[in-house]
Protein backbone atom coordinates (compact mmCIF):
# COMPACT_ATOMS: atom_id res chain seq x y z
CA MET A 1 23.29 28.89 -16.81
CA SER A 2 24.72 27.86 -13.48
CA THR A 3 27.49 25.29 -13.55
CA ARG A 4 27.03 24.83 -9.84
CA ASP A 5 23.36 23.90 -10.29
CA PHE A 6 24.26 21.33 -12.94
CA ASP A 7 27.08 19.79 -10.90
CA THR A 8 24.88 19.52 -7.78
CA ARG A 9 21.82 18.17 -9.61
CA PRO A 10 19.74 15.59 -7.71
CA ILE A 11 19.85 11.89 -8.56
CA ASP A 12 17.98 11.23 -11.79
CA LEU A 13 17.11 7.53 -12.22
CA ARG A 14 16.31 8.03 -15.89
CA ARG A 15 19.72 9.58 -16.43
CA LEU A 16 21.42 6.75 -14.52
CA TRP A 17 19.56 4.16 -16.61
CA LYS A 18 20.63 5.81 -19.86
CA GLN A 19 24.23 5.95 -18.65
CA PHE A 20 24.06 2.27 -17.70
CA VAL A 21 22.59 1.20 -21.06
CA LYS A 22 25.16 3.28 -22.93
CA ARG A 23 28.05 1.55 -21.16
CA PHE A 24 26.54 -1.88 -20.65
CA TRP A 25 28.96 -3.29 -23.21
CA ILE A 26 31.83 -2.27 -20.92
CA ILE A 27 30.35 -4.34 -18.08
CA LEU A 28 29.94 -7.35 -20.36
CA ALA A 29 33.45 -6.98 -21.77
CA VAL A 30 35.18 -6.57 -18.40
CA THR A 31 33.19 -9.47 -16.92
CA ALA A 32 34.21 -11.71 -19.83
CA ILE A 33 37.84 -10.59 -19.58
CA GLY A 34 37.79 -11.27 -15.82
CA ALA A 35 36.39 -14.78 -16.37
CA ILE A 36 39.00 -15.56 -19.03
CA ALA A 37 41.78 -14.14 -16.86
CA GLY A 38 40.63 -16.16 -13.84
CA PHE A 39 40.49 -19.33 -15.91
CA ALA A 40 43.92 -18.70 -17.47
CA CYS A 41 45.58 -17.84 -14.14
CA TYR A 42 44.21 -20.99 -12.53
CA VAL A 43 45.36 -23.18 -15.42
CA ILE A 44 48.86 -21.67 -15.29
CA TYR A 45 48.98 -21.99 -11.49
CA SER A 46 47.76 -25.59 -11.55
CA ASN A 47 50.31 -26.57 -14.19
CA ILE A 48 53.16 -25.02 -12.21
CA LYS A 49 51.92 -26.37 -8.89
CA SER A 50 51.07 -29.88 -9.99
CA GLY A 51 54.22 -30.48 -12.03
CA ASN A 52 54.39 -34.23 -12.63
CA THR A 53 51.44 -36.60 -12.83
CA THR A 54 49.84 -37.21 -9.44
CA TYR A 55 48.78 -40.71 -8.34
CA ARG A 56 46.29 -41.69 -5.67
CA ILE A 57 44.95 -44.76 -3.89
CA ARG A 58 41.76 -44.60 -1.81
CA ASN A 59 41.25 -47.66 0.40
CA ASP A 60 38.33 -48.14 2.77
CA TYR A 61 38.77 -49.90 6.13
CA TYR A 62 36.00 -51.29 8.32
CA ILE A 63 36.43 -50.49 12.03
CA THR A 64 34.90 -52.76 14.65
CA PHE A 65 34.65 -50.91 17.97
CA ASN A 66 34.67 -52.45 21.44
CA HIS A 67 31.24 -51.18 22.41
CA GLU A 68 30.91 -53.54 25.36
CA GLU A 69 33.81 -52.06 27.33
CA PHE A 70 33.90 -48.61 25.75
CA PRO A 71 30.37 -47.54 24.73
CA ASN A 72 31.54 -43.95 24.12
CA GLY A 73 34.67 -44.87 22.23
CA VAL A 74 33.19 -43.93 18.86
CA ASP A 75 32.90 -40.32 20.04
CA TYR A 76 36.67 -40.01 20.06
CA TYR A 77 37.33 -41.56 16.65
CA ASN A 78 35.88 -39.12 14.14
CA ALA A 79 37.03 -37.69 10.80
CA TYR A 80 39.23 -35.06 12.44
CA THR A 81 40.97 -37.38 14.92
CA TRP A 82 41.53 -40.15 12.37
CA ASP A 83 43.30 -37.75 10.01
CA GLY A 84 45.79 -37.06 12.79
CA ILE A 85 46.00 -40.64 14.11
CA LEU A 86 46.97 -41.92 10.67
CA ARG A 87 50.11 -39.76 10.88
CA ASP A 88 50.90 -40.50 14.53
CA ASP A 89 53.90 -42.61 15.53
CA PRO A 90 52.10 -45.89 16.37
CA ILE A 91 50.77 -46.26 12.82
CA VAL A 92 53.60 -44.54 10.96
CA ASP A 93 56.31 -46.54 12.73
CA GLU A 94 54.56 -49.80 11.88
CA ALA A 95 54.13 -48.69 8.27
CA LEU A 96 57.85 -47.90 8.04
CA LYS A 97 58.65 -51.48 9.05
CA ASN A 98 56.68 -52.70 6.03
CA ALA A 99 57.80 -50.12 3.46
CA ALA A 100 61.40 -50.38 2.36
CA ASP A 101 63.23 -47.20 1.34
CA VAL A 102 60.38 -44.96 2.53
CA SER A 103 60.98 -42.13 4.98
CA LYS A 104 58.68 -40.86 7.70
CA GLU A 105 58.47 -37.47 5.98
CA GLN A 106 57.25 -39.10 2.79
CA ILE A 107 54.48 -40.89 4.66
CA LEU A 108 53.40 -37.75 6.50
CA GLU A 109 53.20 -35.83 3.21
CA SER A 110 51.25 -38.56 1.41
CA VAL A 111 48.61 -39.89 3.83
CA THR A 112 45.25 -38.37 4.77
CA GLY A 113 42.14 -39.85 6.37
CA GLU A 114 38.43 -39.33 5.80
CA ILE A 115 35.17 -40.54 7.26
CA LEU A 116 32.52 -39.59 4.73
CA GLY A 117 29.41 -40.97 6.40
CA ASP A 118 29.41 -44.17 8.42
CA TYR A 119 31.75 -43.76 11.39
CA ARG A 120 32.84 -47.38 10.94
CA ILE A 121 34.23 -46.78 7.44
CA LEU A 122 37.64 -45.13 7.41
CA THR A 123 38.99 -43.97 4.03
CA VAL A 124 42.78 -43.79 3.81
CA VAL A 125 44.05 -41.69 0.90
CA VAL A 126 47.66 -41.94 -0.28
CA THR A 127 48.71 -39.31 -2.83
CA GLY A 128 52.02 -38.56 -4.54
CA THR A 129 53.88 -38.11 -7.80
CA ASP A 130 55.94 -41.31 -7.41
CA LYS A 131 53.71 -44.19 -8.47
CA GLU A 132 55.83 -46.86 -6.81
CA LEU A 133 56.08 -44.89 -3.56
CA VAL A 134 52.30 -44.38 -3.40
CA GLN A 135 51.76 -48.13 -3.81
CA LYS A 136 54.36 -48.96 -1.14
CA ILE A 137 52.81 -46.66 1.45
CA SER A 138 49.29 -47.90 0.68
CA ASP A 139 50.41 -51.53 1.09
CA ALA A 140 52.21 -50.68 4.33
CA TYR A 141 49.01 -49.20 5.81
CA LYS A 142 47.18 -52.44 5.06
CA VAL A 143 49.43 -53.97 7.71
CA ALA A 144 49.83 -50.97 10.03
CA LEU A 145 46.11 -50.33 10.61
CA PRO A 146 45.21 -53.90 11.74
CA HIS A 147 48.26 -53.76 14.01
CA PHE A 148 47.06 -50.47 15.46
CA ALA A 149 43.70 -52.07 16.30
CA SER A 150 45.50 -54.82 18.21
CA ILE A 151 47.11 -52.34 20.61
CA ILE A 152 44.05 -50.11 21.17
CA ASP A 153 41.45 -51.36 23.68
CA MET A 154 38.58 -49.32 22.23
CA ILE A 155 38.94 -50.99 18.82
CA LYS A 156 38.50 -54.69 18.20
CA SER A 157 39.71 -54.75 14.61
CA ILE A 158 40.40 -52.72 11.48
CA ASP A 159 39.88 -54.71 8.30
CA LEU A 160 40.49 -53.78 4.68
CA TRP A 161 37.04 -53.10 3.17
CA THR A 162 37.89 -52.05 -0.40
CA ASP A 163 41.27 -52.57 -2.03
CA ALA A 164 41.40 -49.89 -4.72
CA ALA A 165 43.77 -49.73 -7.68
CA ILE A 166 46.15 -46.86 -8.14
CA GLU A 167 44.81 -44.05 -10.33
CA GLU A 168 46.00 -40.81 -11.87
CA TYR A 169 44.62 -37.87 -9.93
CA ASP A 170 44.20 -34.23 -10.85
CA ALA A 171 43.94 -32.13 -7.71
CA TYR A 172 43.35 -28.93 -9.72
CA THR A 173 39.90 -29.25 -11.25
CA ARG A 174 38.35 -25.93 -10.32
CA GLU A 175 38.69 -24.09 -13.60
CA GLY A 176 34.97 -23.29 -13.55
CA ASN A 177 35.21 -21.81 -10.06
CA ALA A 178 38.21 -19.72 -11.08
CA ALA A 179 36.41 -18.43 -14.17
CA PHE A 180 33.31 -17.60 -12.10
CA LEU A 181 35.37 -15.75 -9.48
CA GLY A 182 37.27 -13.82 -12.15
CA GLY A 183 34.02 -12.90 -13.87
CA LEU A 184 32.46 -11.83 -10.57
CA ILE A 185 35.44 -9.60 -9.77
CA GLY A 186 35.27 -8.15 -13.27
CA LEU A 187 31.54 -7.49 -12.85
CA PHE A 188 31.95 -5.61 -9.57
CA VAL A 189 34.95 -3.63 -10.83
CA SER A 190 33.16 -2.64 -14.04
CA LEU A 191 29.99 -1.66 -12.17
CA PHE A 192 32.03 0.49 -9.80
CA VAL A 193 33.89 2.17 -12.68
CA VAL A 194 30.70 2.78 -14.67
CA LEU A 195 28.92 4.26 -11.65
CA LEU A 196 31.95 6.36 -10.75
CA TYR A 197 32.22 7.61 -14.31
CA GLY A 198 28.51 8.43 -14.25
CA ILE A 199 29.05 10.79 -11.33
CA PHE A 200 31.54 12.85 -13.34
CA ASP A 201 29.82 12.36 -16.70
CA ASP A 202 29.26 15.79 -18.27
CA HIS A 203 26.97 14.66 -21.09
CA ILE A 204 23.37 15.83 -21.38
CA TYR A 205 21.01 12.85 -21.18
CA THR A 206 17.54 14.00 -20.17
CA GLU A 207 15.13 16.92 -20.23
CA ARG A 208 15.96 17.55 -16.57
CA ASP A 209 19.66 17.95 -17.44
CA TRP A 210 18.69 20.53 -20.02
CA ARG A 211 16.31 22.46 -17.71
CA ILE A 212 18.93 22.67 -14.97
CA ARG A 213 21.63 23.84 -17.35
CA TYR A 214 19.60 26.11 -19.65
CA PRO A 215 16.36 27.10 -17.87
CA GLU A 216 15.72 30.01 -20.26
CA ILE A 217 15.68 27.80 -23.38
CA PRO A 218 12.43 25.76 -23.57
CA TYR A 219 12.60 22.03 -24.16
CA LEU A 220 10.23 21.22 -27.02
CA GLY A 221 10.47 17.41 -26.90
CA LYS A 222 11.33 14.72 -29.44
CA ARG A 223 10.68 15.50 -33.07
CA ASP A 224 7.34 14.33 -34.48
CA THR A 225 5.84 13.53 -31.07
CA ASP A 226 2.66 15.02 -29.62
CA GLU A 227 4.74 16.86 -27.01
CA TYR A 228 6.93 18.45 -29.66
CA ASN A 229 4.03 19.44 -31.91
CA ALA A 230 2.07 20.93 -29.00
CA ASN A 231 5.02 22.92 -27.64
CA ARG A 232 6.06 24.15 -31.07
CA SER A 233 2.58 25.32 -32.00
CA HIS A 234 2.24 27.12 -28.65
CA LEU A 235 5.71 28.66 -28.35
CA LEU A 236 6.68 29.24 -31.98
CA GLN A 237 5.09 30.65 -35.11
CA TYR A 238 3.22 28.08 -37.17
CA ASP A 239 4.91 29.04 -40.45
CA GLY A 240 8.03 30.57 -38.94
CA ASN A 241 11.47 30.27 -40.53
CA TYR A 242 13.51 28.33 -37.99
CA ILE A 243 16.99 26.90 -38.45
CA GLU A 244 17.82 23.60 -36.78
CA LEU A 245 21.36 23.30 -35.43
CA SER A 246 23.22 20.59 -33.50
CA ALA A 247 26.46 21.03 -31.59
CA ASP A 248 28.46 18.95 -34.09
CA GLN A 249 27.18 21.12 -36.98
CA PHE A 250 28.17 24.39 -35.34
CA ARG A 251 30.83 26.44 -37.16
CA PHE A 252 32.23 29.94 -36.73
CA ASP A 253 30.88 31.11 -40.06
CA LEU A 254 29.89 34.79 -40.41
CA ASN A 255 27.53 34.04 -43.30
CA GLU A 256 25.78 31.41 -41.19
CA PHE A 257 25.42 33.86 -38.32
CA ASP A 258 23.83 36.36 -40.72
CA ARG A 259 21.41 33.69 -41.97
CA MET A 260 20.47 32.76 -38.38
CA ARG A 261 19.86 36.38 -37.42
CA ALA A 262 17.64 36.80 -40.46
CA ALA A 263 15.56 33.77 -39.51
CA ASP A 264 12.86 33.70 -36.82
CA GLY A 265 15.19 31.79 -34.54
CA VAL A 266 17.32 28.71 -34.04
CA ILE A 267 16.12 25.37 -32.70
CA LEU A 268 18.97 23.42 -31.15
CA LYS A 269 19.06 19.68 -31.82
CA LEU A 270 20.07 17.73 -28.72
CA ARG A 271 21.76 14.34 -29.01
CA PRO A 272 21.17 12.76 -25.56
CA GLY A 273 24.25 11.06 -24.19
CA LYS A 274 26.47 12.49 -26.94
CA ASP A 275 26.42 16.25 -26.40
CA LEU A 276 28.76 17.51 -23.69
CA THR A 277 27.71 20.52 -21.64
CA ASP A 278 30.98 22.28 -22.50
CA GLU A 279 30.25 21.91 -26.21
CA MET A 280 26.65 23.02 -25.82
CA ASP A 281 27.76 25.96 -23.63
CA LYS A 282 30.03 27.05 -26.45
CA VAL A 283 27.15 26.95 -28.95
CA VAL A 284 24.69 28.77 -26.68
CA TYR A 285 27.16 31.46 -25.59
CA THR A 286 28.38 32.11 -29.11
CA LEU A 287 24.88 32.40 -30.56
CA SER A 288 23.93 34.76 -27.72
CA LYS A 289 26.95 36.97 -28.46
CA GLN A 290 26.02 36.98 -32.14
CA ASP A 291 22.48 38.14 -31.27
CA VAL A 292 21.00 34.90 -32.58
CA LYS A 293 17.68 34.02 -30.97
CA ILE A 294 17.48 30.49 -29.60
CA VAL A 295 13.80 29.59 -29.44
CA GLY A 296 14.03 26.03 -28.09
CA VAL A 297 15.69 22.64 -28.13
CA MET A 298 14.47 19.32 -29.46
CA GLU A 299 15.76 15.76 -29.57
């Protein structure tokens, strides 16, 4: 019974599958816990980060370019450049003239620009927690953008296309993404732990485990199967007196040892995935020292 042979056994896919099925509930539980934790952390973070109610105004502006004199002018004015231009001095300074009690820093923090499809449609987004301030900045840009067009040769005009109303805005709406990410992390962590545990798992799962550990004790098969009946009839006496014993039933009882010695032999009952090799070693070694004949093992 070589411990070294058992510890260096080759990969057994059947054994791995049984280990996985046995601990599949752990994977489900950790994945669910990860999803719940990800959702809860995001909700807590969003509540702390968002603080007060956030307001937003999204206005669209129609840009008329001077294609006659500057046919390539549209190449310069794209989504990236507009986002910066909207916070540059020419527009911001003009907006400040039309927004009382508003600072430059407040404008820079509140304004962003987008071009979602048509390069002629510029979307100006003003966001903030002060409803009155958001409205002031949005109104100021209605004046500042047409003024900007008047001083830029490549643009003929910038006209207000849609005048949107102010709305409450929740910037933190990714609870589903957070839950998915938390669940995914939980899944990978649990798979790693289960696989790592499987490497050091000392339970006996399959016939191969048994043959490697106890090559001198024949594996008879599962009770009441053709394999078991064939092996028993070939290896054992048809009407023999055999005692069946599992590791959890084993006791250091002198009367029991006498009864086993008087019988034709002992058939060990293996509980795959439950019996540890240390426990089974103890049973096998003790019975051997007590001169008890072990004739086979069955599931």
